[in-house]
Structure formats: C-alpha cells, structure tokens
Amino acid sequence: MKNARKPATGRDTDAYLRRLGERVRTLRNQRGMTRKALARHAKVSERYLAQLEAGLGNGSIVLLRRIARAIGLPVTQLVHEGAEPALDFVLLSQFLERLSPPTLAEARDLLLERFSKPSEGARRQRIALIGLRGGGKSTLGRMLADRLDVPFIELDREIERRSGATLSEIFDMFGQETFRRAEREALDDVLRQHQNFVIATSGSIVTEPGTLELLLASCFTVWVRANPEEHMRRVMAQGDMRPMANSARAMDDLISILRSREPLYAKAEIALITTGKTPEQNLAELLRLIEVPGNRISRRSA
C-alpha cells in the first residue's frame, strides 16, 4: 500500500532505549545526583541504573516510575518519545497543571484566540462531525453538505484513497500506530485543500490528542450522538460489528467505549442527539444549531 510504514523495528527500540538512557543520565546530572544516590532513592540496583543509562535497560514501568519519582518528575515525561521538549514547553506544562479545570479551559480558549491560525468565521466554514459509529454522521453529513452546497468528506475514505488499502488491511498489516498517522496526514491534507466542507470523522479520532486538538482548532465540531441501543442497531444494520466483533457482551463493550470517550466527544462545540428522529428532523435541528446571527454558514463550494 502507498504511504504506509511498518511498525517500530528492533532498531527503533534500540534507538528509543538509548534516548531514554541519555534522558535519565541528563536529568540525574541536572539534579546533582550520583548514580548511587539515585539508585538508593529509587530502590533499584545501581547495576540496573547503569545499564539503563547505557541504553541497555528495558525494565518494567514500575521501575521506571520509581526512578521518575526519585528524580522528581512525572513518569510520562521520563518515557516520552521524540526529541526533548523545549524548556518553555516544560515550564508551560507545569504552569497549566496548577490550574483548575474551568481555568484551564479558559486558558486554552485564550491561547487559541491569540495563536490559532483559523479565525472563528473560518472555522465555521468547516464542520466536523464526531461521535461513535452508528450515530448518523455519514447520513447527516451528506445531507448537510448538500444543503450548504459544500464538499462532503468521509475521512476514512480519504485514508483508504491515500494509502491504497482498506482500513482493515491497514490495521491488520501495519497496526494502530500507522492508522493514526495516516488519519492525521489525511486530515492535514483536507485542511490544506478545502476552505469549507462537512467532514465525517472516525469514532476513535478523539483518542489521539494531537489530532483532536487540530480538529477542534480548525473546525466547528458537532458531536453526533445516539443512545447505546440505537448505536448497536445501526452498526448491525451496516453489517459491521467493530469494535465489538466476537464479543458475547457486545452491548457492555459498546457502553464502556461510549463512557470512556464521552469526555472527549464533549469537547465539541455542540451536540446533536439523533435517537428517535428522522434524518430530516436531525438536519433541521443541526441547521438551527450551527446558524448563528451575524455569522451564517457560507453556501459556496470550495
């Protein structure tokens, strides 16, 4: 398939362990701790710590958590992948962690207003439908795009078009990591190529923080939701039981997925409940929700 890359190899793992070891050694030195002192405070052997700093250690998350606590930072900061974050990013993260949830939401809005590229008006020309499969995103999205006379895009189909493979093939051959990367790249392309559109996203797009942040910053987001029974009925009508396949507790699994994602879906600007209503009724309600005085949705095509 085109554009798809294989999951991390042994070489990637070795490189990551070397970066992890260098990070531990740097943090230890910054704090003026000898290897012996860190080993004692973390309750790990000095030999293990030496191997870790040399890029040869591959211990459990429990041991790494002990080391992180002894150094005095979250384990997530110790084990993160990629280049070392800029100091200003680290300081900003520490500052944001001190804020209460309401204040944190206000801080995010201020940052988006000051630094986000798309204006509020531009965002409202790009309507993104999020929510679990079976909520009615595709049906509603096509109807809304037709009414607004803008392109309708299904992000999953864009991923398949760009990669030359079905979603099932991407997952089977390359795994979750490759799919998430392909999803982000497809969204980037859509945003570059279109000034206005209606897009239906995958149910799991909200689980990737970077992609969710881009979606929220670039589009006017709508949570298309239904009750669990309606989700199940619609998914079964489509002949696809993902992600409940081969489960004797399909409804319990679906409810669990919904509950775990609800705080993520709730980041959308508006929510539309589609249960018990016809597609036409849902479209009429959505049009009322997205049309705001003085800032009507444009009806010209991209």
C-alpha atoms as a PDB file:
ATOM      1  CA  MET A   1       0.000   0.000   0.000  1.00  0.00           C
ATOM      2  CA  LYS A   2       1.112   3.562  -0.592  1.00  0.00           C
ATOM      3  CA  ASN A   3       2.341   5.899   2.138  1.00  0.00           C
ATOM      4  CA  ALA A   4       2.113   3.297   4.915  1.00  0.00           C
ATOM      5  CA  ARG A   5       5.091   2.430   7.066  1.00  0.00           C
ATOM      6  CA  LYS A   6       5.730  -0.595   9.191  1.00  0.00           C
ATOM      7  CA  PRO A   7       5.605  -0.515  12.967  1.00  0.00           C
ATOM      8  CA  ALA A   8       8.717   0.107  15.025  1.00  0.00           C
ATOM      9  CA  THR A   9      11.503  -2.378  14.413  1.00  0.00           C
ATOM     10  CA  GLY A  10      14.179  -3.639  16.786  1.00  0.00           C
ATOM     11  CA  ARG A  11      16.395  -0.812  15.579  1.00  0.00           C
ATOM     12  CA  ASP A  12      13.739   1.721  16.578  1.00  0.00           C
ATOM     13  CA  THR A  13      13.526   0.113  20.019  1.00  0.00           C
ATOM     14  CA  ASP A  14      17.293   0.283  20.470  1.00  0.00           C
ATOM     15  CA  ALA A  15      17.288   3.961  19.500  1.00  0.00           C
ATOM     16  CA  TYR A  16      14.482   4.687  21.947  1.00  0.00           C
ATOM     17  CA  LEU A  17      16.298   2.918  24.797  1.00  0.00           C
ATOM     18  CA  ARG A  18      19.420   4.973  24.067  1.00  0.00           C
ATOM     19  CA  ARG A  19      17.397   8.202  24.226  1.00  0.00           C
ATOM     20  CA  LEU A  20      15.750   7.039  27.434  1.00  0.00           C
ATOM     21  CA  GLY A  21      19.132   6.290  28.988  1.00  0.00           C
ATOM     22  CA  GLU A  22      20.512   9.658  27.945  1.00  0.00           C
ATOM     23  CA  ARG A  23      17.463  11.382  29.396  1.00  0.00           C
ATOM     24  CA  VAL A  24      17.851   9.632  32.754  1.00  0.00           C
ATOM     25  CA  ARG A  25      21.545  10.495  32.902  1.00  0.00           C
ATOM     26  CA  THR A  26      20.926  14.143  31.964  1.00  0.00           C
ATOM     27  CA  LEU A  27      18.132  14.571  34.497  1.00  0.00           C
ATOM     28  CA  ARG A  28      20.215  12.898  37.194  1.00  0.00           C
ATOM     29  CA  ASN A  29      23.143  15.209  36.475  1.00  0.00           C
ATOM     30  CA  GLN A  30      20.913  18.289  36.411  1.00  0.00           C
ATOM     31  CA  ARG A  31      19.809  17.413  39.936  1.00  0.00           C
ATOM     32  CA  GLY A  32      23.353  16.784  41.109  1.00  0.00           C
ATOM     33  CA  MET A  33      22.599  13.146  41.988  1.00  0.00           C
ATOM     34  CA  THR A  34      25.178  10.419  41.772  1.00  0.00           C
ATOM     35  CA  ARG A  35      24.124   7.155  40.208  1.00  0.00           C
ATOM     36  CA  LYS A  36      24.437   5.506  43.604  1.00  0.00           C
ATOM     37  CA  ALA A  37      22.169   8.105  45.221  1.00  0.00           C
ATOM     38  CA  LEU A  38      19.502   7.800  42.536  1.00  0.00           C
ATOM     39  CA  ALA A  39      19.585   4.015  42.754  1.00  0.00           C
ATOM     40  CA  ARG A  40      19.118   4.185  46.514  1.00  0.00           C
ATOM     41  CA  HIS A  41      16.196   6.647  46.369  1.00  0.00           C
ATOM     42  CA  ALA A  42      14.515   4.769  43.518  1.00  0.00           C
ATOM     43  CA  LYS A  43      15.050   1.406  45.226  1.00  0.00           C
ATOM     44  CA  VAL A  44      16.684  -0.112  42.147  1.00  0.00           C
ATOM     45  CA  SER A  45      20.124  -1.657  41.812  1.00  0.00           C
ATOM     46  CA  GLU A  46      22.991   0.562  40.732  1.00  0.00           C
ATOM     47  CA  ARG A  47      23.810  -2.044  38.087  1.00  0.00           C
ATOM     48  CA  TYR A  48      20.310  -1.756  36.595  1.00  0.00           C
ATOM     49  CA  LEU A  49      20.593   2.032  36.547  1.00  0.00           C
ATOM     50  CA  ALA A  50      23.978   1.842  34.802  1.00  0.00           C
ATOM     51  CA  GLN A  51      22.503  -0.444  32.139  1.00  0.00           C
ATOM     52  CA  LEU A  52      19.528   1.861  31.686  1.00  0.00           C
ATOM     53  CA  GLU A  53      21.742   4.919  31.205  1.00  0.00           C
ATOM     54  CA  ALA A  54      23.840   2.979  28.715  1.00  0.00           C
ATOM     55  CA  GLY A  55      20.743   2.262  26.634  1.00  0.00           C
ATOM     56  CA  LEU A  56      20.730  -1.421  27.526  1.00  0.00           C
ATOM     57  CA  GLY A  57      17.968  -1.477  30.122  1.00  0.00           C
ATOM     58  CA  ASN A  58      14.413  -2.484  29.354  1.00  0.00           C
ATOM     59  CA  GLY A  59      12.766  -2.593  32.747  1.00  0.00           C
ATOM     60  CA  SER A  60       9.163  -2.573  33.837  1.00  0.00           C
ATOM     61  CA  ILE A  61       7.092   0.574  34.070  1.00  0.00           C
ATOM     62  CA  VAL A  62       7.124   0.132  37.854  1.00  0.00           C
ATOM     63  CA  LEU A  63      10.910   0.526  37.988  1.00  0.00           C
ATOM     64  CA  LEU A  64      10.825   3.492  35.635  1.00  0.00           C
ATOM     65  CA  ARG A  65       8.127   5.055  37.805  1.00  0.00           C
ATOM     66  CA  ARG A  66      10.384   4.686  40.857  1.00  0.00           C
ATOM     67  CA  ILE A  67      13.236   6.386  39.002  1.00  0.00           C
ATOM     68  CA  ALA A  68      10.991   9.214  37.806  1.00  0.00           C
ATOM     69  CA  ARG A  69       9.693   9.814  41.335  1.00  0.00           C
ATOM     70  CA  ALA A  70      13.201   9.808  42.764  1.00  0.00           C
ATOM     71  CA  ILE A  71      14.247  12.391  40.168  1.00  0.00           C
ATOM     72  CA  GLY A  72      11.094  14.375  40.837  1.00  0.00           C
ATOM     73  CA  LEU A  73       9.110  14.403  37.617  1.00  0.00           C
ATOM     74  CA  PRO A  74       6.126  12.520  36.107  1.00  0.00           C
ATOM     75  CA  VAL A  75       6.935   9.164  34.577  1.00  0.00           C
ATOM     76  CA  THR A  76       5.287  10.334  31.347  1.00  0.00           C
ATOM     77  CA  GLN A  77       7.981  12.981  30.974  1.00  0.00           C
ATOM     78  CA  LEU A  78      10.657  10.372  31.503  1.00  0.00           C
ATOM     79  CA  VAL A  79       9.415   7.871  28.932  1.00  0.00           C
ATOM     80  CA  HIS A  80       8.031  10.157  26.209  1.00  0.00           C
ATOM     81  CA  GLU A  81       9.198   9.578  22.663  1.00  0.00           C
ATOM     82  CA  GLY A  82      10.763  12.061  20.285  1.00  0.00           C
ATOM     83  CA  ALA A  83      13.128  14.944  20.860  1.00  0.00           C
ATOM     84  CA  GLU A  84      13.472  16.634  24.199  1.00  0.00           C
ATOM     85  CA  PRO A  85      10.747  19.259  24.630  1.00  0.00           C
ATOM     86  CA  ALA A  86      11.754  22.894  24.716  1.00  0.00           C
ATOM     87  CA  LEU A  87      12.240  24.333  28.191  1.00  0.00           C
ATOM     88  CA  ASP A  88       9.406  26.818  27.659  1.00  0.00           C
ATOM     89  CA  PHE A  89       7.081  23.921  26.836  1.00  0.00           C
ATOM     90  CA  VAL A  90       8.036  22.122  30.045  1.00  0.00           C
ATOM     91  CA  LEU A  91       7.541  25.284  32.100  1.00  0.00           C
ATOM     92  CA  LEU A  92       4.198  25.989  30.428  1.00  0.00           C
ATOM     93  CA  SER A  93       3.056  22.429  31.094  1.00  0.00           C
ATOM     94  CA  GLN A  94       3.915  22.795  34.768  1.00  0.00           C
ATOM     95  CA  PHE A  95       2.012  26.074  34.930  1.00  0.00           C
ATOM     96  CA  LEU A  96      -1.079  24.623  33.255  1.00  0.00           C
ATOM     97  CA  GLU A  97      -1.088  21.657  35.630  1.00  0.00           C
ATOM     98  CA  ARG A  98      -1.677  24.060  38.521  1.00  0.00           C
ATOM     99  CA  LEU A  99      -4.872  25.466  37.009  1.00  0.00           C
ATOM    100  CA  SER A 100      -8.344  24.257  37.898  1.00  0.00           C
ATOM    101  CA  PRO A 101     -10.347  22.585  35.079  1.00  0.00           C
ATOM    102  CA  PRO A 102     -12.524  25.678  34.407  1.00  0.00           C
ATOM    103  CA  THR A 103      -9.481  27.967  34.388  1.00  0.00           C
ATOM    104  CA  LEU A 104      -7.599  25.532  32.176  1.00  0.00           C
ATOM    105  CA  ALA A 105     -10.441  25.599  29.638  1.00  0.00           C
ATOM    106  CA  GLU A 106     -10.338  29.410  29.708  1.00  0.00           C
ATOM    107  CA  ALA A 107      -6.563  29.366  29.177  1.00  0.00           C
ATOM    108  CA  ARG A 108      -6.959  27.103  26.153  1.00  0.00           C
ATOM    109  CA  ASP A 109      -9.559  29.432  24.642  1.00  0.00           C
ATOM    110  CA  LEU A 110      -7.232  32.405  25.132  1.00  0.00           C
ATOM    111  CA  LEU A 111      -4.313  30.595  23.524  1.00  0.00           C
ATOM    112  CA  LEU A 112      -6.453  29.553  20.556  1.00  0.00           C
ATOM    113  CA  GLU A 113      -7.750  33.087  20.140  1.00  0.00           C
ATOM    114  CA  ARG A 114      -4.240  34.509  20.190  1.00  0.00           C
ATOM    115  CA  PHE A 115      -2.265  31.908  18.259  1.00  0.00           C
ATOM    116  CA  SER A 116      -4.637  29.648  16.318  1.00  0.00           C
ATOM    117  CA  LYS A 117      -4.460  30.335  12.581  1.00  0.00           C
ATOM    118  CA  PRO A 118      -8.125  29.895  11.565  1.00  0.00           C
ATOM    119  CA  SER A 119     -10.486  32.658  12.674  1.00  0.00           C
ATOM    120  CA  GLU A 120     -13.834  31.861  14.249  1.00  0.00           C
ATOM    121  CA  GLY A 121     -15.506  32.670  10.947  1.00  0.00           C
ATOM    122  CA  ALA A 122     -13.148  30.379   9.027  1.00  0.00           C
ATOM    123  CA  ARG A 123     -13.690  27.538  11.484  1.00  0.00           C
ATOM    124  CA  ARG A 124     -17.442  27.749  10.990  1.00  0.00           C
ATOM    125  CA  GLN A 125     -16.983  27.077   7.288  1.00  0.00           C
ATOM    126  CA  ARG A 126     -15.503  23.679   8.206  1.00  0.00           C
ATOM    127  CA  ILE A 127     -17.985  21.488  10.024  1.00  0.00           C
ATOM    128  CA  ALA A 128     -16.613  18.277  11.547  1.00  0.00           C
ATOM    129  CA  LEU A 129     -18.959  15.567  12.797  1.00  0.00           C
ATOM    130  CA  ILE A 130     -17.551  13.409  15.584  1.00  0.00           C
ATOM    131  CA  GLY A 131     -19.014  10.552  17.588  1.00  0.00           C
ATOM    132  CA  LEU A 132     -19.199   6.789  17.775  1.00  0.00           C
ATOM    133  CA  ARG A 133     -20.097   4.881  14.654  1.00  0.00           C
ATOM    134  CA  GLY A 134     -23.841   4.424  14.338  1.00  0.00           C
ATOM    135  CA  GLY A 135     -24.705   7.931  15.479  1.00  0.00           C
ATOM    136  CA  GLY A 136     -25.619   9.031  11.961  1.00  0.00           C
ATOM    137  CA  LYS A 137     -22.570  11.072  10.956  1.00  0.00           C
ATOM    138  CA  SER A 138     -22.375   9.950   7.331  1.00  0.00           C
ATOM    139  CA  THR A 139     -26.079  10.265   6.561  1.00  0.00           C
ATOM    140  CA  LEU A 140     -26.353  13.610   8.291  1.00  0.00           C
ATOM    141  CA  GLY A 141     -23.063  14.849   6.841  1.00  0.00           C
ATOM    142  CA  ARG A 142     -24.114  14.203   3.253  1.00  0.00           C
ATOM    143  CA  MET A 143     -27.441  15.943   3.789  1.00  0.00           C
ATOM    144  CA  LEU A 144     -25.836  18.939   5.489  1.00  0.00           C
ATOM    145  CA  ALA A 145     -23.156  19.315   2.801  1.00  0.00           C
ATOM    146  CA  ASP A 146     -25.809  19.150   0.091  1.00  0.00           C
ATOM    147  CA  ARG A 147     -27.896  21.811   1.836  1.00  0.00           C
ATOM    148  CA  LEU A 148     -24.877  24.099   2.317  1.00  0.00           C
ATOM    149  CA  ASP A 149     -23.518  23.337  -1.168  1.00  0.00           C
ATOM    150  CA  VAL A 150     -20.063  22.406   0.144  1.00  0.00           C
ATOM    151  CA  PRO A 151     -17.990  19.226  -0.279  1.00  0.00           C
ATOM    152  CA  PHE A 152     -18.767  16.233   1.933  1.00  0.00           C
ATOM    153  CA  ILE A 153     -15.714  14.252   3.038  1.00  0.00           C
ATOM    154  CA  GLU A 154     -15.520  10.952   4.878  1.00  0.00           C
ATOM    155  CA  LEU A 155     -12.098  10.881   6.497  1.00  0.00           C
ATOM    156  CA  ASP A 156     -11.925   7.070   6.494  1.00  0.00           C
ATOM    157  CA  ARG A 157     -12.420   7.040   2.718  1.00  0.00           C
ATOM    158  CA  GLU A 158      -9.690   9.669   2.356  1.00  0.00           C
ATOM    159  CA  ILE A 159      -7.319   7.443   4.321  1.00  0.00           C
ATOM    160  CA  GLU A 160      -8.124   4.490   2.045  1.00  0.00           C
ATOM    161  CA  ARG A 161      -7.705   6.600  -1.089  1.00  0.00           C
ATOM    162  CA  ARG A 162      -4.332   7.941   0.003  1.00  0.00           C
ATOM    163  CA  SER A 163      -2.982   4.600   1.222  1.00  0.00           C
ATOM    164  CA  GLY A 164      -4.412   2.329  -1.481  1.00  0.00           C
ATOM    165  CA  ALA A 165      -5.689  -0.111   1.156  1.00  0.00           C
ATOM    166  CA  THR A 166      -8.834  -0.660   3.190  1.00  0.00           C
ATOM    167  CA  LEU A 167      -8.914   0.282   6.848  1.00  0.00           C
ATOM    168  CA  SER A 168      -8.975  -3.414   7.794  1.00  0.00           C
ATOM    169  CA  GLU A 169      -5.846  -4.024   5.751  1.00  0.00           C
ATOM    170  CA  ILE A 170      -4.079  -1.067   7.346  1.00  0.00           C
ATOM    171  CA  PHE A 171      -4.868  -2.350  10.839  1.00  0.00           C
ATOM    172  CA  ASP A 172      -4.011  -5.978  10.012  1.00  0.00           C
ATOM    173  CA  MET A 173      -0.730  -5.269   8.226  1.00  0.00           C
ATOM    174  CA  PHE A 174       0.584  -2.170   9.966  1.00  0.00           C
ATOM    175  CA  GLY A 175      -1.299  -1.687  13.234  1.00  0.00           C
ATOM    176  CA  GLN A 176      -2.856   1.143  15.203  1.00  0.00           C
ATOM    177  CA  GLU A 177       0.160   3.448  15.071  1.00  0.00           C
ATOM    178  CA  THR A 178       0.243   3.536  11.268  1.00  0.00           C
ATOM    179  CA  PHE A 179      -3.509   4.113  11.069  1.00  0.00           C
ATOM    180  CA  ARG A 180      -3.341   7.056  13.481  1.00  0.00           C
ATOM    181  CA  ARG A 181      -0.509   8.586  11.475  1.00  0.00           C
ATOM    182  CA  ALA A 182      -2.446   8.082   8.224  1.00  0.00           C
ATOM    183  CA  GLU A 183      -5.533   9.645   9.807  1.00  0.00           C
ATOM    184  CA  ARG A 184      -3.615  12.741  10.890  1.00  0.00           C
ATOM    185  CA  GLU A 185      -1.988  13.093   7.460  1.00  0.00           C
ATOM    186  CA  ALA A 186      -5.359  12.755   5.715  1.00  0.00           C
ATOM    187  CA  LEU A 187      -6.859  15.445   7.955  1.00  0.00           C
ATOM    188  CA  ASP A 188      -3.891  17.735   7.272  1.00  0.00           C
ATOM    189  CA  ASP A 189      -4.464  17.299   3.526  1.00  0.00           C
ATOM    190  CA  VAL A 190      -8.181  18.046   3.799  1.00  0.00           C
ATOM    191  CA  LEU A 191      -7.497  21.235   5.748  1.00  0.00           C
ATOM    192  CA  ARG A 192      -4.909  22.375   3.197  1.00  0.00           C
ATOM    193  CA  GLN A 193      -7.095  21.680   0.177  1.00  0.00           C
ATOM    194  CA  HIS A 194     -10.502  22.962   1.324  1.00  0.00           C
ATOM    195  CA  GLN A 195     -11.688  26.215   2.817  1.00  0.00           C
ATOM    196  CA  ASN A 196     -15.189  24.926   3.550  1.00  0.00           C
ATOM    197  CA  PHE A 197     -16.607  21.427   3.894  1.00  0.00           C
ATOM    198  CA  VAL A 198     -18.539  18.980   6.032  1.00  0.00           C
ATOM    199  CA  ILE A 199     -16.407  16.077   7.249  1.00  0.00           C
ATOM    200  CA  ALA A 200     -17.412  12.854   8.990  1.00  0.00           C
ATOM    201  CA  THR A 201     -14.598  11.513  11.143  1.00  0.00           C
ATOM    202  CA  SER A 202     -13.925   8.096  12.627  1.00  0.00           C
ATOM    203  CA  GLY A 203     -15.373   7.297  16.026  1.00  0.00           C
ATOM    204  CA  SER A 204     -11.902   6.940  17.507  1.00  0.00           C
ATOM    205  CA  ILE A 205     -10.323  10.130  16.150  1.00  0.00           C
ATOM    206  CA  VAL A 206     -10.821  11.789  19.544  1.00  0.00           C
ATOM    207  CA  THR A 207      -8.481   9.287  21.220  1.00  0.00           C
ATOM    208  CA  GLU A 208      -5.396  10.788  19.544  1.00  0.00           C
ATOM    209  CA  PRO A 209      -4.761  14.073  21.431  1.00  0.00           C
ATOM    210  CA  GLY A 210      -2.799  15.789  18.672  1.00  0.00           C
ATOM    211  CA  THR A 211      -5.386  15.033  16.003  1.00  0.00           C
ATOM    212  CA  LEU A 212      -8.257  16.021  18.297  1.00  0.00           C
ATOM    213  CA  GLU A 213      -6.583  19.345  19.092  1.00  0.00           C
ATOM    214  CA  LEU A 214      -6.102  20.057  15.368  1.00  0.00           C
ATOM    215  CA  LEU A 215      -9.719  19.205  14.651  1.00  0.00           C
ATOM    216  CA  LEU A 216     -11.044  21.432  17.449  1.00  0.00           C
ATOM    217  CA  ALA A 217      -8.785  24.320  16.452  1.00  0.00           C
ATOM    218  CA  SER A 218      -9.548  24.123  12.727  1.00  0.00           C
ATOM    219  CA  CYS A 219     -13.211  23.097  12.517  1.00  0.00           C
ATOM    220  CA  PHE A 220     -16.610  23.743  14.061  1.00  0.00           C
ATOM    221  CA  THR A 221     -17.194  20.393  15.748  1.00  0.00           C
ATOM    222  CA  VAL A 222     -20.514  18.644  16.277  1.00  0.00           C
ATOM    223  CA  TRP A 223     -20.954  15.567  18.472  1.00  0.00           C
ATOM    224  CA  VAL A 224     -23.490  13.377  16.690  1.00  0.00           C
ATOM    225  CA  ARG A 225     -24.735  11.033  19.373  1.00  0.00           C
ATOM    226  CA  ALA A 226     -27.361   8.379  19.978  1.00  0.00           C
ATOM    227  CA  ASN A 227     -28.246   6.083  22.849  1.00  0.00           C
ATOM    228  CA  PRO A 228     -26.342   2.765  23.028  1.00  0.00           C
ATOM    229  CA  GLU A 229     -29.245   0.701  21.670  1.00  0.00           C
ATOM    230  CA  GLU A 230     -29.510   2.946  18.621  1.00  0.00           C
ATOM    231  CA  HIS A 231     -25.754   2.782  18.035  1.00  0.00           C
ATOM    232  CA  MET A 232     -25.891  -1.005  18.190  1.00  0.00           C
ATOM    233  CA  ARG A 233     -28.876  -1.274  15.877  1.00  0.00           C
ATOM    234  CA  ARG A 234     -27.329   0.970  13.242  1.00  0.00           C
ATOM    235  CA  VAL A 235     -23.921  -0.716  13.363  1.00  0.00           C
ATOM    236  CA  MET A 236     -25.528  -4.126  12.976  1.00  0.00           C
ATOM    237  CA  ALA A 237     -27.611  -2.828  10.068  1.00  0.00           C
ATOM    238  CA  GLN A 238     -24.335  -1.822   8.402  1.00  0.00           C
ATOM    239  CA  GLY A 239     -23.087  -5.397   8.773  1.00  0.00           C
ATOM    240  CA  ASP A 240     -20.029  -4.428  10.810  1.00  0.00           C
ATOM    241  CA  MET A 241     -19.577  -5.194  14.499  1.00  0.00           C
ATOM    242  CA  ARG A 242     -16.277  -3.363  15.002  1.00  0.00           C
ATOM    243  CA  PRO A 243     -15.054  -2.984  17.699  1.00  0.00           C
ATOM    244  CA  MET A 244     -17.464  -5.451  19.278  1.00  0.00           C
ATOM    245  CA  ALA A 245     -16.668  -8.393  17.000  1.00  0.00           C
ATOM    246  CA  ASN A 246     -16.597 -11.839  18.591  1.00  0.00           C
ATOM    247  CA  SER A 247     -17.839 -10.490  21.902  1.00  0.00           C
ATOM    248  CA  ALA A 248     -20.655 -12.090  23.852  1.00  0.00           C
ATOM    249  CA  ARG A 249     -21.001  -8.822  25.773  1.00  0.00           C
ATOM    250  CA  ALA A 250     -21.280  -6.515  22.784  1.00  0.00           C
ATOM    251  CA  MET A 251     -23.643  -4.054  24.425  1.00  0.00           C
ATOM    252  CA  ASP A 252     -21.491  -3.831  27.574  1.00  0.00           C
ATOM    253  CA  ASP A 253     -18.447  -3.234  25.391  1.00  0.00           C
ATOM    254  CA  LEU A 254     -20.229  -0.511  23.440  1.00  0.00           C
ATOM    255  CA  ILE A 255     -21.397   1.234  26.613  1.00  0.00           C
ATOM    256  CA  SER A 256     -17.863   1.060  28.008  1.00  0.00           C
ATOM    257  CA  ILE A 257     -16.452   2.632  24.845  1.00  0.00           C
ATOM    258  CA  LEU A 258     -19.075   5.380  24.948  1.00  0.00           C
ATOM    259  CA  ARG A 259     -18.349   6.175  28.593  1.00  0.00           C
ATOM    260  CA  SER A 260     -14.602   6.311  28.058  1.00  0.00           C
ATOM    261  CA  ARG A 261     -14.941   8.649  25.085  1.00  0.00           C
ATOM    262  CA  GLU A 262     -17.706  10.909  26.380  1.00  0.00           C
ATOM    263  CA  PRO A 263     -15.305  13.489  27.921  1.00  0.00           C
ATOM    264  CA  LEU A 264     -13.504  13.627  24.559  1.00  0.00           C
ATOM    265  CA  TYR A 265     -16.633  13.924  22.429  1.00  0.00           C
ATOM    266  CA  ALA A 266     -17.910  16.570  24.847  1.00  0.00           C
ATOM    267  CA  LYS A 267     -15.143  18.917  23.653  1.00  0.00           C
ATOM    268  CA  ALA A 268     -17.290  19.539  20.566  1.00  0.00           C
ATOM    269  CA  GLU A 269     -18.979  22.921  20.406  1.00  0.00           C
ATOM    270  CA  ILE A 270     -22.441  21.466  20.052  1.00  0.00           C
ATOM    271  CA  ALA A 271     -24.071  18.058  20.473  1.00  0.00           C
ATOM    272  CA  LEU A 272     -26.936  16.641  18.432  1.00  0.00           C
ATOM    273  CA  ILE A 273     -28.899  13.643  19.714  1.00  0.00           C
ATOM    274  CA  THR A 274     -30.209  11.641  16.748  1.00  0.00           C
ATOM    275  CA  THR A 275     -32.124   8.927  18.622  1.00  0.00           C
ATOM    276  CA  GLY A 276     -35.795   8.605  17.707  1.00  0.00           C
ATOM    277  CA  LYS A 277     -35.696  11.218  14.934  1.00  0.00           C
ATOM    278  CA  THR A 278     -35.704  11.027  11.150  1.00  0.00           C
ATOM    279  CA  PRO A 279     -32.662  12.209   9.176  1.00  0.00           C
ATOM    280  CA  GLU A 280     -34.698  15.195   8.012  1.00  0.00           C
ATOM    281  CA  GLN A 281     -35.545  16.153  11.598  1.00  0.00           C
ATOM    282  CA  ASN A 282     -31.889  15.830  12.596  1.00  0.00           C
ATOM    283  CA  LEU A 283     -30.817  18.010   9.673  1.00  0.00           C
ATOM    284  CA  ALA A 284     -33.314  20.713  10.576  1.00  0.00           C
ATOM    285  CA  GLU A 285     -32.143  20.742  14.183  1.00  0.00           C
ATOM    286  CA  LEU A 286     -28.483  20.826  13.193  1.00  0.00           C
ATOM    287  CA  LEU A 287     -29.074  23.751  10.850  1.00  0.00           C
ATOM    288  CA  ARG A 288     -30.669  25.651  13.703  1.00  0.00           C
ATOM    289  CA  LEU A 289     -27.707  24.891  15.946  1.00  0.00           C
ATOM    290  CA  ILE A 290     -24.985  25.949  13.511  1.00  0.00           C
ATOM    291  CA  GLU A 291     -26.667  29.083  12.142  1.00  0.00           C
ATOM    292  CA  VAL A 292     -25.757  31.979  14.428  1.00  0.00           C
ATOM    293  CA  PRO A 293     -26.890  35.603  13.913  1.00  0.00           C
ATOM    294  CA  GLY A 294     -24.333  37.653  12.002  1.00  0.00           C
ATOM    295  CA  ASN A 295     -22.184  34.637  11.162  1.00  0.00           C
ATOM    296  CA  ARG A 296     -24.116  32.393   8.819  1.00  0.00           C
ATOM    297  CA  ILE A 297     -22.511  29.370   7.253  1.00  0.00           C
ATOM    298  CA  SER A 298     -21.356  30.086   3.717  1.00  0.00           C
ATOM    299  CA  ARG A 299     -23.117  28.159   0.987  1.00  0.00           C
ATOM    300  CA  ARG A 300     -20.468  28.412  -1.696  1.00  0.00           C
ATOM    301  CA  SER A 301     -18.424  25.374  -2.656  1.00  0.00           C
ATOM    302  CA  ALA A 302     -14.704  25.137  -2.007  1.00  0.00           C
END
